[in-house]
N, C-alpha and C. Protein backbone atom coordinates (compact mmCIF):
# COMPACT_ATOMS: atom_id res chain seq x y z
N PHE A 1 26.16 9.34 33.07
CA PHE A 1 26.10 9.76 31.63
C PHE A 1 25.25 8.72 31.31
N PHE A 2 25.31 7.98 31.42
CA PHE A 2 24.40 6.53 30.93
C PHE A 2 23.30 6.06 31.66
N ARG A 3 22.17 6.53 30.71
CA ARG A 3 20.97 6.64 31.47
C ARG A 3 20.03 5.19 31.62
N PRO A 4 20.27 4.43 32.26
CA PRO A 4 18.72 2.92 31.93
C PRO A 4 18.05 3.47 30.93
N SER A 5 17.05 4.21 32.25
CA SER A 5 15.57 4.02 31.37
C SER A 5 15.71 5.01 30.37
N LEU A 6 16.24 5.85 29.93
CA LEU A 6 16.00 6.33 28.32
C LEU A 6 16.51 5.54 27.61
N THR A 7 17.86 5.00 27.71
CA THR A 7 17.98 3.61 26.98
C THR A 7 17.11 2.98 26.42
N ALA A 8 16.32 2.35 27.73
CA ALA A 8 15.47 1.11 27.38
C ALA A 8 14.22 1.69 26.62
N THR A 9 13.89 3.24 27.03
CA THR A 9 13.12 3.50 26.16
C THR A 9 13.27 3.90 24.42
N PHE A 10 14.19 4.38 24.34
CA PHE A 10 15.00 4.13 23.09
C PHE A 10 14.87 3.03 22.25
N LEU A 11 15.24 2.01 23.22
CA LEU A 11 15.32 0.25 22.26
C LEU A 11 13.62 -0.37 22.03
N ILE A 12 12.71 0.31 22.99
CA ILE A 12 11.47 -0.08 23.10
C ILE A 12 10.59 1.10 21.75
N LEU A 13 11.25 1.80 21.53
CA LEU A 13 10.88 2.63 20.31
C LEU A 13 10.99 2.03 19.32
N ALA A 14 12.45 1.81 18.84
CA ALA A 14 13.04 1.45 18.03
C ALA A 14 12.67 0.15 17.76
N LEU A 15 12.36 -0.73 18.38
CA LEU A 15 11.64 -2.13 18.38
C LEU A 15 10.34 -2.34 17.57
N TRP A 16 9.61 -1.47 18.26
CA TRP A 16 7.98 -1.32 17.96
C TRP A 16 8.28 -0.61 16.32
N ASP A 17 9.26 0.80 15.94
CA ASP A 17 9.09 0.64 14.95
C ASP A 17 9.62 -0.46 13.78
N PHE A 18 10.81 -1.12 14.12
CA PHE A 18 10.89 -2.36 13.32
C PHE A 18 9.81 -3.58 13.34
N ALA A 19 9.16 -3.65 13.97
CA ALA A 19 8.37 -4.65 14.23
C ALA A 19 6.60 -4.27 13.16
N THR A 20 6.17 -2.86 13.13
CA THR A 20 5.25 -2.75 12.69
C THR A 20 5.34 -2.76 11.00
N PRO A 21 4.60 -3.79 10.24
CA PRO A 21 4.10 -3.64 9.32
C PRO A 21 3.83 -2.88 8.41
N TYR A 22 4.49 -2.77 7.14
CA TYR A 22 4.84 -1.53 5.97
C TYR A 22 4.27 -2.07 5.21
N VAL A 23 3.74 -1.18 4.14
CA VAL A 23 3.42 -1.06 3.15
C VAL A 23 4.02 -0.01 1.79
N SER A 24 4.41 -0.54 0.94
CA SER A 24 4.80 0.39 0.12
C SER A 24 4.53 0.25 -1.39
N VAL A 25 3.80 1.54 -2.18
CA VAL A 25 2.75 1.22 -3.61
C VAL A 25 4.25 1.95 -4.04
N TYR A 26 4.72 1.78 -5.38
CA TYR A 26 5.50 1.86 -6.16
C TYR A 26 5.12 2.26 -7.72
N TYR A 27 5.14 3.26 -8.05
CA TYR A 27 4.27 3.69 -9.78
C TYR A 27 5.24 3.54 -10.93
N SER A 28 5.15 3.21 -11.77
CA SER A 28 6.09 2.67 -12.89
C SER A 28 6.94 4.01 -12.78
N ASP A 29 8.05 3.71 -13.34
CA ASP A 29 8.74 4.99 -14.31
C ASP A 29 8.75 5.26 -15.46
N LYS A 30 7.67 4.73 -16.28
CA LYS A 30 7.53 4.80 -17.54
C LYS A 30 5.58 5.54 -17.54
N ALA A 31 5.22 5.43 -16.61
CA ALA A 31 3.91 6.81 -16.38
C ALA A 31 4.53 7.94 -17.04
N ASP A 32 3.05 8.57 -17.72
CA ASP A 32 3.23 9.61 -18.05
C ASP A 32 3.07 10.41 -17.15
N GLY A 33 2.13 10.67 -16.08
CA GLY A 33 1.51 11.62 -14.95
C GLY A 33 1.62 11.31 -14.00
N GLU A 34 1.47 12.26 -12.69
CA GLU A 34 1.29 11.88 -11.64
C GLU A 34 -0.05 10.71 -11.01
N LEU A 35 0.24 10.05 -10.06
CA LEU A 35 -0.90 9.06 -9.69
C LEU A 35 -1.57 10.03 -8.12
N SER A 36 -2.55 10.27 -8.38
CA SER A 36 -3.08 10.86 -7.05
C SER A 36 -3.64 9.89 -6.02
N TYR A 37 -3.44 9.68 -4.70
CA TYR A 37 -3.78 8.58 -3.99
C TYR A 37 -4.56 8.97 -2.41
N THR A 38 -5.26 8.67 -1.84
CA THR A 38 -5.47 8.14 -0.51
C THR A 38 -5.20 6.82 0.06
N TRP A 39 -5.16 7.09 0.93
CA TRP A 39 -4.69 5.95 2.15
C TRP A 39 -5.71 6.48 3.25
N ILE A 40 -6.37 5.53 3.49
CA ILE A 40 -7.33 5.24 4.72
C ILE A 40 -6.85 4.28 5.61
N THR A 41 -6.31 4.25 6.69
CA THR A 41 -5.69 3.07 7.65
C THR A 41 -6.28 3.22 8.77
N ASP A 42 -7.24 2.88 9.58
CA ASP A 42 -8.22 2.64 10.48
C ASP A 42 -7.93 3.82 10.88
N HIS A 43 -9.49 4.82 10.47
CA HIS A 43 -9.72 6.01 10.58
C HIS A 43 -8.34 6.76 10.29
N ARG A 44 -7.23 6.41 9.93
CA ARG A 44 -5.98 7.64 9.51
C ARG A 44 -5.98 7.58 8.22
N ILE A 45 -6.13 9.47 7.92
CA ILE A 45 -6.24 9.52 6.13
C ILE A 45 -5.25 10.19 5.93
N SER A 46 -4.62 9.94 4.80
CA SER A 46 -3.65 11.03 4.44
C SER A 46 -3.93 10.97 2.64
N ARG A 47 -3.30 11.88 2.30
CA ARG A 47 -3.55 12.21 0.24
C ARG A 47 -2.13 12.38 0.31
N GLY A 48 -2.08 12.36 -1.22
CA GLY A 48 -0.75 12.97 -1.73
C GLY A 48 -0.60 12.39 -3.31
N GLY A 49 0.33 12.67 -3.91
CA GLY A 49 0.50 12.34 -5.38
C GLY A 49 2.15 11.53 -5.56
N ILE A 50 2.49 10.94 -6.33
CA ILE A 50 3.40 10.41 -6.81
C ILE A 50 3.71 10.68 -8.65
N ARG A 51 4.64 10.46 -8.33
CA ARG A 51 5.42 11.22 -9.62
C ARG A 51 6.00 9.82 -10.42
N PRO A 52 6.04 9.60 -11.67
CA PRO A 52 6.62 8.30 -12.63
C PRO A 52 7.67 8.05 -11.63
N GLY A 53 8.14 6.94 -11.72
CA GLY A 53 9.33 6.05 -10.35
C GLY A 53 9.22 6.42 -9.33
N GLY A 54 8.01 7.36 -8.65
CA GLY A 54 8.12 7.29 -7.50
C GLY A 54 7.23 5.90 -6.66
N ALA A 55 7.14 6.47 -5.04
CA ALA A 55 6.69 5.43 -4.00
C ALA A 55 5.85 6.42 -3.24
N THR A 56 5.38 5.40 -2.38
CA THR A 56 4.51 5.89 -0.99
C THR A 56 4.33 4.90 -0.11
N GLY A 57 4.18 5.01 1.28
CA GLY A 57 3.94 4.25 1.76
C GLY A 57 3.32 4.37 3.14
N ASP A 58 2.69 3.45 3.80
CA ASP A 58 2.02 3.50 5.22
C ASP A 58 2.38 2.27 6.14
N SER A 59 1.67 2.75 7.22
CA SER A 59 2.37 1.65 8.11
C SER A 59 1.16 1.04 8.77
N GLY A 60 1.14 -0.63 9.00
CA GLY A 60 -0.06 -1.06 9.81
C GLY A 60 -0.01 -0.74 11.42
N HIS A 61 -0.33 -1.92 11.47
CA HIS A 61 -0.39 -1.91 13.33
C HIS A 61 0.01 -3.50 13.51
N ILE A 62 0.93 -3.09 14.26
CA ILE A 62 2.18 -4.45 15.32
C ILE A 62 0.95 -5.42 15.61
N PHE A 63 0.02 -5.23 16.17
CA PHE A 63 -1.07 -5.80 16.81
C PHE A 63 -2.33 -5.55 16.35
N GLN A 64 -3.16 -5.91 14.94
CA GLN A 64 -4.37 -5.52 13.97
C GLN A 64 -5.32 -6.41 14.69
N LYS A 65 -6.43 -5.59 15.53
CA LYS A 65 -7.73 -5.89 15.66
C LYS A 65 -8.17 -6.57 14.24
N LYS A 66 -9.20 -7.62 14.73
CA LYS A 66 -10.01 -7.83 13.63
C LYS A 66 -10.60 -7.10 12.66
N ASP A 67 -11.21 -5.56 13.03
CA ASP A 67 -12.03 -5.02 12.67
C ASP A 67 -10.90 -4.14 11.79
N PHE A 68 -9.87 -4.07 11.89
CA PHE A 68 -8.40 -3.29 10.99
C PHE A 68 -8.66 -3.36 9.60
N PHE A 69 -8.57 -2.33 9.56
CA PHE A 69 -8.55 -1.95 7.81
C PHE A 69 -7.59 -0.62 7.23
N MET A 70 -7.28 -1.18 5.98
CA MET A 70 -5.78 -0.60 5.43
C MET A 70 -6.70 -0.22 3.54
N TYR A 71 -6.91 0.78 3.62
CA TYR A 71 -7.32 1.08 1.60
C TYR A 71 -6.29 2.00 1.55
N PHE A 72 -6.41 1.78 0.05
CA PHE A 72 -5.20 2.51 -0.77
C PHE A 72 -6.07 3.08 -2.18
N PHE A 73 -6.59 3.88 -2.21
CA PHE A 73 -7.80 4.69 -3.29
C PHE A 73 -6.67 5.47 -4.28
N TRP A 74 -6.72 5.06 -5.97
CA TRP A 74 -5.03 5.70 -6.86
C TRP A 74 -6.16 6.07 -7.98
N HIS A 75 -5.76 6.95 -8.33
CA HIS A 75 -6.04 7.41 -9.78
C HIS A 75 -5.30 8.18 -10.62
N ASN A 76 -5.20 8.08 -11.91
CA ASN A 76 -4.52 8.64 -12.83
C ASN A 76 -5.48 9.23 -13.91
N SER A 77 -4.75 9.19 -14.99
CA SER A 77 -5.89 10.45 -16.06
C SER A 77 -6.91 9.60 -16.71
N THR A 78 -5.97 8.06 -16.50
CA THR A 78 -6.88 7.08 -17.56
C THR A 78 -7.91 5.99 -16.51
N PHE A 79 -7.29 6.01 -15.42
CA PHE A 79 -7.70 4.77 -14.31
C PHE A 79 -7.70 5.20 -12.77
N SER A 80 -8.80 4.37 -12.33
CA SER A 80 -9.08 4.27 -10.41
C SER A 80 -8.84 2.94 -10.11
N GLY A 81 -8.66 3.17 -8.77
CA GLY A 81 -8.60 1.66 -8.13
C GLY A 81 -8.61 2.04 -7.06
N CYS A 82 -9.02 0.87 -5.95
CA CYS A 82 -9.00 0.70 -4.80
C CYS A 82 -8.62 -0.33 -4.60
N VAL A 83 -7.54 -1.14 -3.66
CA VAL A 83 -7.13 -2.25 -2.55
C VAL A 83 -7.57 -2.03 -1.43
N ASN A 84 -8.04 -3.51 -0.70
CA ASN A 84 -8.03 -3.46 0.76
C ASN A 84 -6.73 -4.36 0.92
N ILE A 85 -5.85 -3.38 1.83
CA ILE A 85 -4.66 -4.40 2.13
C ILE A 85 -4.65 -5.10 3.63
N ASP A 86 -3.93 -6.39 3.37
CA ASP A 86 -3.84 -6.68 4.47
C ASP A 86 -2.57 -6.93 5.13
N PRO A 87 -1.54 -6.24 5.83
CA PRO A 87 -0.10 -5.47 5.81
C PRO A 87 0.58 -7.21 6.36
N GLN A 88 1.40 -7.12 6.10
CA GLN A 88 2.40 -8.36 7.00
C GLN A 88 3.54 -7.98 6.67
N TRP A 89 4.05 -8.46 7.75
CA TRP A 89 5.91 -7.69 8.81
C TRP A 89 6.86 -8.62 7.57
N PRO A 90 7.80 -8.03 6.81
CA PRO A 90 8.25 -6.94 7.63
C PRO A 90 7.43 -5.95 6.31
N GLU A 91 7.16 -6.39 5.45
CA GLU A 91 6.78 -5.02 4.10
C GLU A 91 5.84 -5.96 2.95
N THR A 92 4.95 -4.98 2.58
CA THR A 92 3.99 -5.54 1.65
C THR A 92 4.27 -4.62 0.53
N THR A 93 4.60 -4.92 -0.44
CA THR A 93 4.52 -4.70 -1.45
C THR A 93 3.53 -4.53 -3.20
N ILE A 94 3.54 -3.24 -3.35
CA ILE A 94 2.75 -3.19 -4.61
C ILE A 94 3.01 -2.75 -5.61
N PHE A 95 3.25 -3.11 -7.00
CA PHE A 95 3.55 -2.12 -7.99
C PHE A 95 2.23 -1.89 -8.86
N ILE A 96 2.33 -0.31 -8.93
CA ILE A 96 1.18 0.19 -10.00
C ILE A 96 2.23 0.47 -11.60
N ASP A 97 1.52 0.14 -12.78
CA ASP A 97 2.17 0.17 -14.16
C ASP A 97 1.90 1.23 -14.56
N ALA A 98 2.15 1.59 -15.96
CA ALA A 98 2.23 3.00 -16.52
C ALA A 98 0.71 3.54 -16.82
N ASN A 99 -0.15 2.67 -16.97
CA ASN A 99 -1.77 2.41 -17.03
C ASN A 99 -2.41 2.90 -15.77
N GLY A 100 -1.84 2.68 -15.14
CA GLY A 100 -2.59 2.94 -13.47
C GLY A 100 -3.20 1.51 -12.92
N ARG A 101 -3.23 0.37 -13.19
CA ARG A 101 -3.28 -0.86 -13.01
C ARG A 101 -2.35 -1.67 -12.13
N ILE A 102 -2.56 -2.58 -11.40
CA ILE A 102 -1.62 -3.21 -10.15
C ILE A 102 -0.64 -4.13 -11.65
N ASP A 103 0.87 -3.97 -11.32
CA ASP A 103 1.38 -4.60 -12.13
C ASP A 103 1.70 -6.17 -11.77
N LEU A 104 1.20 -7.33 -12.42
CA LEU A 104 0.98 -8.51 -12.08
C LEU A 104 2.09 -8.95 -12.90
N ASN A 105 2.72 -8.70 -13.46
CA ASN A 105 3.93 -9.35 -14.14
C ASN A 105 4.45 -10.31 -13.12
N VAL A 106 5.03 -11.10 -14.21
CA VAL A 106 5.56 -12.54 -13.61
C VAL A 106 6.73 -12.11 -12.93
N LYS A 107 7.72 -11.18 -13.31
CA LYS A 107 8.80 -10.87 -12.84
C LYS A 107 8.38 -9.89 -11.69
N GLY A 108 7.13 -9.47 -11.21
CA GLY A 108 7.19 -8.33 -10.68
C GLY A 108 6.77 -9.11 -9.35
N ALA A 109 6.75 -8.09 -8.16
CA ALA A 109 7.32 -8.33 -6.79
C ALA A 109 6.02 -7.82 -5.83
N THR A 110 4.69 -7.75 -6.98
CA THR A 110 3.63 -7.37 -6.09
C THR A 110 3.38 -8.61 -5.12
N ASP A 111 2.83 -8.30 -3.84
CA ASP A 111 2.02 -9.26 -3.17
C ASP A 111 0.80 -9.19 -3.48
N VAL A 112 0.38 -10.32 -4.13
CA VAL A 112 -1.13 -10.65 -4.65
C VAL A 112 -1.83 -10.88 -3.62
N LYS A 113 -1.32 -11.68 -2.45
CA LYS A 113 -2.22 -12.47 -1.80
C LYS A 113 -2.68 -11.47 -0.84
N ARG A 114 -1.82 -10.66 -0.88
CA ARG A 114 -1.87 -9.42 1.03
C ARG A 114 -3.13 -8.39 0.48
N PHE A 115 -4.17 -8.08 -0.44
CA PHE A 115 -4.73 -7.19 -0.91
C PHE A 115 -5.83 -8.03 -1.72
N SER A 116 -7.06 -7.09 -2.08
CA SER A 116 -8.25 -7.14 -2.30
C SER A 116 -9.20 -6.50 -3.04
N LEU A 117 -9.93 -6.75 -3.64
CA LEU A 117 -10.76 -5.12 -4.09
C LEU A 117 -11.20 -4.73 -2.86
N CYS A 118 -11.84 -3.35 -2.91
CA CYS A 118 -12.04 -2.34 -1.93
C CYS A 118 -13.59 -3.24 -1.53
N PRO A 119 -14.40 -2.78 -0.67
CA PRO A 119 -15.95 -3.12 -0.21
C PRO A 119 -16.76 -2.07 -1.37
N GLY A 120 -17.61 -2.91 -1.84
CA GLY A 120 -18.34 -2.29 -2.88
C GLY A 120 -17.64 -1.89 -4.13
N GLY A 121 -16.74 -2.38 -4.27
CA GLY A 121 -15.70 -1.79 -5.48
C GLY A 121 -16.77 -2.63 -6.99
N GLU A 122 -16.91 -2.06 -7.92
CA GLU A 122 -17.33 -2.92 -8.65
C GLU A 122 -16.69 -2.87 -10.11
N ASP A 123 -15.34 -2.78 -10.23
CA ASP A 123 -14.38 -3.16 -11.44
C ASP A 123 -13.61 -4.59 -10.97
N PRO A 124 -14.37 -5.41 -12.16
CA PRO A 124 -13.25 -6.97 -12.24
C PRO A 124 -11.72 -6.66 -12.52
N ASP A 125 -11.46 -5.44 -13.21
CA ASP A 125 -10.51 -5.39 -13.73
C ASP A 125 -9.73 -4.40 -12.87
N PHE A 126 -9.95 -4.59 -12.05
CA PHE A 126 -9.07 -3.50 -11.25
C PHE A 126 -7.57 -4.03 -11.09
N LEU A 127 -7.31 -5.31 -11.31
CA LEU A 127 -5.40 -5.56 -11.25
C LEU A 127 -5.26 -5.78 -12.37
N GLY A 128 -5.91 -5.08 -13.67
CA GLY A 128 -5.42 -4.99 -14.84
C GLY A 128 -5.28 -6.79 -15.85
N LEU A 129 -6.66 -7.26 -15.25
CA LEU A 129 -6.56 -8.75 -15.46
C LEU A 129 -7.51 -8.35 -16.90
N ALA A 130 -7.98 -9.20 -17.91
CA ALA A 130 -8.99 -9.37 -18.38
C ALA A 130 -10.09 -9.73 -18.13
N ARG A 131 -11.19 -8.60 -18.51
CA ARG A 131 -12.50 -8.70 -18.02
C ARG A 131 -13.32 -9.99 -18.53
N PRO A 132 -14.23 -10.66 -17.88
CA PRO A 132 -14.73 -12.13 -18.67
C PRO A 132 -15.47 -11.86 -19.78
N VAL A 133 -15.68 -12.45 -20.39
CA VAL A 133 -16.03 -12.60 -21.78
C VAL A 133 -17.91 -12.93 -21.86
N GLU A 134 -18.69 -12.17 -22.02
CA GLU A 134 -20.22 -12.55 -21.66
C GLU A 134 -20.99 -12.80 -22.62
């Protein structure tokens, strides 16, 4: 009845899933419309939409090579952005406000040290910060 090899396989798969870093992106419930997104994680691409108050996520790799990358592109009716994410175990969280910008509210739980502007990005306001005065 009890198969050690089957149990060991199940245990390894469960631990592998538990040990994989995960990134969650939450969209404000105060937003007016859907947020469209594209994940590009080490050559794996997925697209979808998040309704106000919803969330999406993707997993990284347990053993990230130095050329590992994870990009999250998003846009709504007024704003678009892209971040390069460095996922950290157990979870990296990003909150997007009702305007479509990353929420850096003091009370927020966005992991600001885990992401940066995507390569080639030109918008210094991608985090919702004030633009420098010229």
